[in-house]
Protein backbone atom coordinates (compact mmCIF):
# COMPACT_ATOMS: atom_id res chain seq x y z
CA MET A 1 10.62 13.40 2.87
CA ASN A 2 9.59 16.11 5.97
CA GLY A 3 6.13 14.93 6.41
CA ASN A 4 3.25 15.00 9.35
CA ILE A 5 0.36 13.07 9.59
CA GLU A 6 -2.38 15.01 10.71
CA PHE A 7 -6.27 13.83 11.56
CA LYS A 8 -4.39 10.51 12.12
CA GLY A 9 -7.10 7.39 12.41
CA SER A 10 -10.08 7.17 10.31
CA TYR A 11 -9.22 10.24 7.81
CA ALA A 12 -5.72 10.90 7.54
CA LEU A 13 -3.78 13.34 5.87
CA LEU A 14 -0.20 13.59 5.11
CA LYS A 15 1.29 17.03 4.89
CA VAL A 16 5.08 17.24 3.20
CA SER A 17 7.13 20.28 3.93
CA LEU A 18 9.49 21.30 0.69
CA GLY A 19 12.06 22.92 0.81
CA PRO A 20 14.27 24.45 -1.93
CA GLY A 21 15.07 21.73 -4.89
CA GLU A 22 13.02 19.31 -2.58
CA GLN A 23 11.16 16.64 -4.17
CA VAL A 24 8.25 14.09 -3.26
CA LYS A 25 7.18 11.19 -5.33
CA VAL A 26 3.49 10.53 -4.87
CA GLU A 27 0.57 8.50 -6.43
CA PRO A 28 -1.45 9.83 -9.08
CA GLY A 29 -4.74 11.46 -7.55
CA ALA A 30 -3.28 11.54 -3.61
CA MET A 31 -2.86 15.76 -4.32
CA VAL A 32 -5.46 17.16 -1.73
CA TYR A 33 -3.34 20.64 -2.20
CA MET A 34 -0.14 22.51 -2.39
CA ARG A 35 1.08 26.24 -2.32
CA GLY A 36 4.64 27.54 -3.03
CA PRO A 37 6.30 27.47 -5.53
CA ILE A 38 5.82 23.70 -6.32
CA GLU A 39 5.88 22.42 -10.48
CA VAL A 40 4.71 18.64 -10.77
CA GLN A 41 6.47 16.48 -13.16
CA THR A 42 4.76 13.23 -14.12
CA SER A 43 6.58 10.77 -15.93
CA THR A 44 6.97 6.73 -16.25
CA GLY A 45 10.09 6.25 -14.26
CA GLY A 46 10.74 4.22 -17.39
CA VAL A 47 8.16 2.03 -19.87
CA TRP A 48 8.70 -1.56 -18.85
CA LYS A 49 8.17 -1.10 -15.21
CA ALA A 50 5.67 1.26 -15.87
CA LEU A 51 3.84 -1.35 -18.14
CA LYS A 52 4.56 -3.91 -14.99
CA ARG A 53 2.76 -1.77 -12.29
CA THR A 54 -0.34 -1.55 -14.47
CA LEU A 55 -1.33 -4.77 -16.12
CA LEU A 56 0.27 -6.45 -13.11
CA GLY A 57 0.36 -4.21 -10.16
CA GLY A 58 -3.04 -2.50 -11.06
CA GLU A 59 -1.37 0.88 -10.37
CA SER A 60 -1.18 3.85 -12.84
CA PHE A 61 0.74 4.12 -15.58
CA PHE A 62 2.08 7.11 -14.72
CA MET A 63 3.90 8.86 -11.39
CA ASN A 64 3.97 12.61 -10.31
CA THR A 65 7.17 13.78 -8.76
CA TYR A 66 6.58 17.22 -6.84
CA ILE A 67 9.26 19.87 -7.31
CA SER A 68 9.47 22.73 -5.16
CA ARG A 69 11.62 26.01 -6.32
CA GLY A 70 11.12 27.64 -2.71
CA ASP A 71 9.27 26.64 0.43
CA GLY A 72 6.24 24.98 -0.03
CA GLU A 73 3.99 22.41 0.94
CA ILE A 74 1.57 19.82 -0.26
CA GLY A 75 -1.10 18.31 1.24
CA ILE A 76 -1.85 13.85 0.13
CA ALA A 77 -4.31 11.41 0.68
CA PRO A 78 -5.54 8.07 0.29
CA GLU A 79 -7.96 7.04 -1.84
CA LEU A 80 -9.78 5.25 0.98
CA PRO A 81 -10.68 6.11 4.42
CA GLY A 82 -7.71 5.35 7.51
CA ASP A 83 -4.66 5.90 8.14
CA ILE A 84 -0.99 6.44 6.99
CA GLU A 85 2.43 5.24 8.52
CA ILE A 86 5.73 7.32 7.53
CA VAL A 87 8.25 3.79 7.14
CA GLN A 88 11.74 4.41 7.07
CA THR A 89 13.03 1.63 4.31
CA ASN A 90 16.17 0.11 4.41
CA GLY A 91 16.40 -2.32 1.74
CA THR A 92 13.46 -3.64 0.12
CA LEU A 93 9.85 -3.06 1.41
CA PHE A 94 6.88 -5.28 -0.02
CA VAL A 95 3.63 -3.35 -0.29
CA GLN A 96 0.14 -4.18 -1.31
CA SER A 97 -0.76 -2.30 -4.40
CA THR A 98 -3.26 0.34 -3.03
CA SER A 99 -1.50 0.72 0.06
CA PHE A 100 1.46 3.04 -1.68
CA LEU A 101 0.87 6.84 -1.25
CA ALA A 102 4.17 8.96 -1.50
CA SER A 103 7.61 8.46 -1.35
CA ASP A 104 11.13 10.06 -1.17
CA PRO A 105 12.04 10.23 -4.67
CA GLN A 106 15.36 8.17 -4.64
CA ILE A 107 13.07 5.29 -3.38
CA ASP A 108 12.65 2.65 -6.71
CA MET A 109 9.44 1.17 -7.66
CA ASP A 110 8.90 -2.20 -8.94
CA VAL A 111 6.55 -5.16 -9.11
CA SER A 112 7.19 -8.87 -7.61
CA PHE A 113 5.27 -12.17 -7.98
CA GLY A 114 3.73 -12.88 -4.95
CA GLY A 115 2.91 -16.41 -5.99
CA PHE A 116 -0.34 -18.25 -7.74
CA LYS A 117 -2.40 -18.10 -4.87
CA SER A 118 -4.08 -14.80 -4.37
CA PHE A 119 -1.56 -13.36 -2.26
CA PHE A 120 -4.14 -10.02 -1.26
CA SER A 121 -7.72 -11.74 -1.82
CA GLY A 122 -9.55 -9.74 -4.15
CA GLU A 123 -6.28 -8.08 -5.01
CA GLY A 124 -4.19 -10.26 -7.28
CA ILE A 125 -1.35 -11.75 -7.33
CA PHE A 126 1.73 -9.40 -7.23
CA LEU A 127 2.88 -7.17 -5.03
CA LEU A 128 4.61 -3.22 -5.20
CA LYS A 129 8.39 -3.95 -4.95
CA LEU A 130 10.14 -0.78 -3.28
CA GLU A 131 14.08 -0.73 -2.98
CA GLY A 132 16.40 2.05 -1.58
CA TYR A 133 17.12 3.95 1.29
CA GLY A 134 14.70 6.48 2.38
CA GLN A 135 10.97 7.30 3.32
CA VAL A 136 7.80 6.09 1.89
CA ALA A 137 3.90 6.66 3.25
CA ILE A 138 1.04 4.08 3.29
CA SER A 139 -2.07 3.66 3.79
CA SER A 140 -4.16 1.72 4.97
CA PHE A 141 -8.38 0.73 5.16
CA GLY A 142 -8.59 1.78 8.86
CA GLY A 143 -6.17 1.61 11.06
CA ILE A 144 -2.47 0.57 10.97
CA ARG A 145 -0.38 -0.64 13.11
CA MET A 146 3.23 -2.15 12.20
CA LEU A 147 3.90 -5.64 14.47
CA GLU A 148 7.73 -6.18 14.44
CA LEU A 149 9.30 -10.02 14.42
CA GLY A 150 12.27 -10.76 16.09
CA PRO A 151 14.25 -13.35 14.37
CA GLY A 152 12.66 -16.60 14.48
CA ASP A 153 9.59 -15.00 15.30
CA SER A 154 6.05 -16.07 13.69
CA ILE A 155 2.97 -14.89 12.77
CA THR A 156 -0.60 -15.72 11.33
CA ILE A 157 -2.54 -12.86 9.21
CA ASP A 158 -5.32 -12.90 7.37
CA THR A 159 -3.80 -11.91 3.82
CA GLY A 160 -6.73 -8.95 3.34
CA HIS A 161 -5.46 -7.00 6.41
CA VAL A 162 -1.80 -7.30 5.37
CA VAL A 163 -0.93 -3.67 3.95
CA ALA A 164 3.22 -3.71 3.95
CA PHE A 165 6.55 -5.81 5.00
CA ASP A 166 9.91 -5.99 5.22
CA GLY A 167 11.95 -7.74 2.57
CA SER A 168 13.58 -9.34 5.61
CA VAL A 169 11.00 -11.01 6.18
CA ASN A 170 9.89 -14.75 5.23
CA TRP A 171 6.29 -15.73 4.25
CA ASN A 172 4.38 -18.16 2.74
CA VAL A 173 0.25 -18.36 2.12
CA ARG A 174 -1.91 -21.12 3.10
CA THR A 175 -5.47 -21.61 3.26
CA PHE A 176 -7.03 -21.11 6.47
CA GLY A 177 -7.20 -24.46 8.90
CA GLY A 178 -8.78 -27.71 6.78
CA PHE A 179 -11.75 -27.88 4.23
CA LYS A 180 -14.38 -26.67 6.02
CA SER A 181 -12.60 -23.66 8.18
CA THR A 182 -11.33 -22.35 4.03
CA LEU A 183 -15.37 -22.87 2.88
CA PHE A 184 -16.76 -21.91 6.09
CA GLY A 185 -14.92 -20.23 8.79
CA GLY A 186 -15.01 -16.68 6.80
CA GLU A 187 -10.94 -16.57 6.88
CA GLY A 188 -10.06 -17.95 3.49
CA LEU A 189 -6.12 -17.61 2.73
CA VAL A 190 -4.31 -16.19 5.86
CA CYS A 191 -0.42 -15.52 5.70
CA ASP A 192 2.62 -16.63 7.71
CA PHE A 193 5.62 -14.54 8.74
CA ARG A 194 8.83 -15.47 10.35
CA GLY A 195 11.14 -12.41 11.48
CA PRO A 196 12.98 -10.48 11.78
CA GLY A 197 11.13 -8.05 10.05
CA ARG A 198 8.00 -5.55 10.03
CA VAL A 199 4.66 -6.66 9.18
CA PHE A 200 2.16 -3.31 8.57
CA VAL A 201 -1.54 -4.47 9.70
CA GLN A 202 -4.78 -2.99 8.78
CA THR A 203 -7.49 -2.93 10.91
CA ARG A 204 -10.33 -3.38 8.24
CA ASN A 205 -10.23 -6.19 5.11
CA TYR A 206 -11.13 -4.05 2.23
CA PRO A 207 -12.53 -6.90 0.16
CA ALA A 208 -14.40 -8.37 2.51
CA PHE A 209 -16.28 -4.70 2.37
CA VAL A 210 -16.75 -4.63 -0.88
CA GLU A 211 -18.03 -7.84 -1.02
CA TRP A 212 -20.64 -6.40 1.84
CA ILE A 213 -21.30 -3.61 -0.14
CA ARG A 214 -22.30 -5.91 -3.41
CA SER A 215 -24.82 -8.09 -1.35
CA LEU A 216 -26.85 -4.64 -0.45
CA LEU A 217 -27.20 -4.18 -3.64
CA PRO A 218 -29.94 -5.29 -5.50
CA ARG A 219 -29.83 -8.68 -7.91
CA GLU A 220 -30.37 -8.65 -11.13
CA THR A 221 -33.17 -10.65 -12.57
CA GLY A 222 -33.41 -12.13 -16.23
CA SER A 223 -35.86 -10.48 -18.63
CA ARG A 224 -39.16 -12.02 -18.97
């Protein structure tokens, strides 16, 4: 995937250049523009996997693959304001459902169970599992940062800030501190990661942002 990121930071745009016969797999609704002899093919990628993506991972049932018949270009952008990172995948990459943007066509997408504790607060308990060797474009809410963990290195991250992580990383979800810290400390659930591998975090917490917006809306009153 020959991609360049423009306007990196708050309102990033991924520009992918395609030569004759080259392809890119794109999240439905993410295409901003395309030019040149590009055609789109929409498929499920397998009915069972599509059902799991839709019912468990919150993703679209269909996936779009853009194929260039000459020299072409496609602009791709995420739904939320934030950053984009192109990640080289060498095996397995776990991604929260709202953060997948595009990938090389050979990358396989499935859904993985994240445990009975809601892994991403407000996002559900299932993660997208991307397998293969190639590039994946992930998006974030706010800025995105890659944290490299060496063997045995550990880090604790609020679940609402986790974007993606390598399959080589061990992880565990737990409550933040004791009972009072969980209820009143404003953190809720956190995730402990242990290397080796990469963890990608976002600077803003989307579930917390949604709750803040809801708090500003007028409350419904019962009929009198």
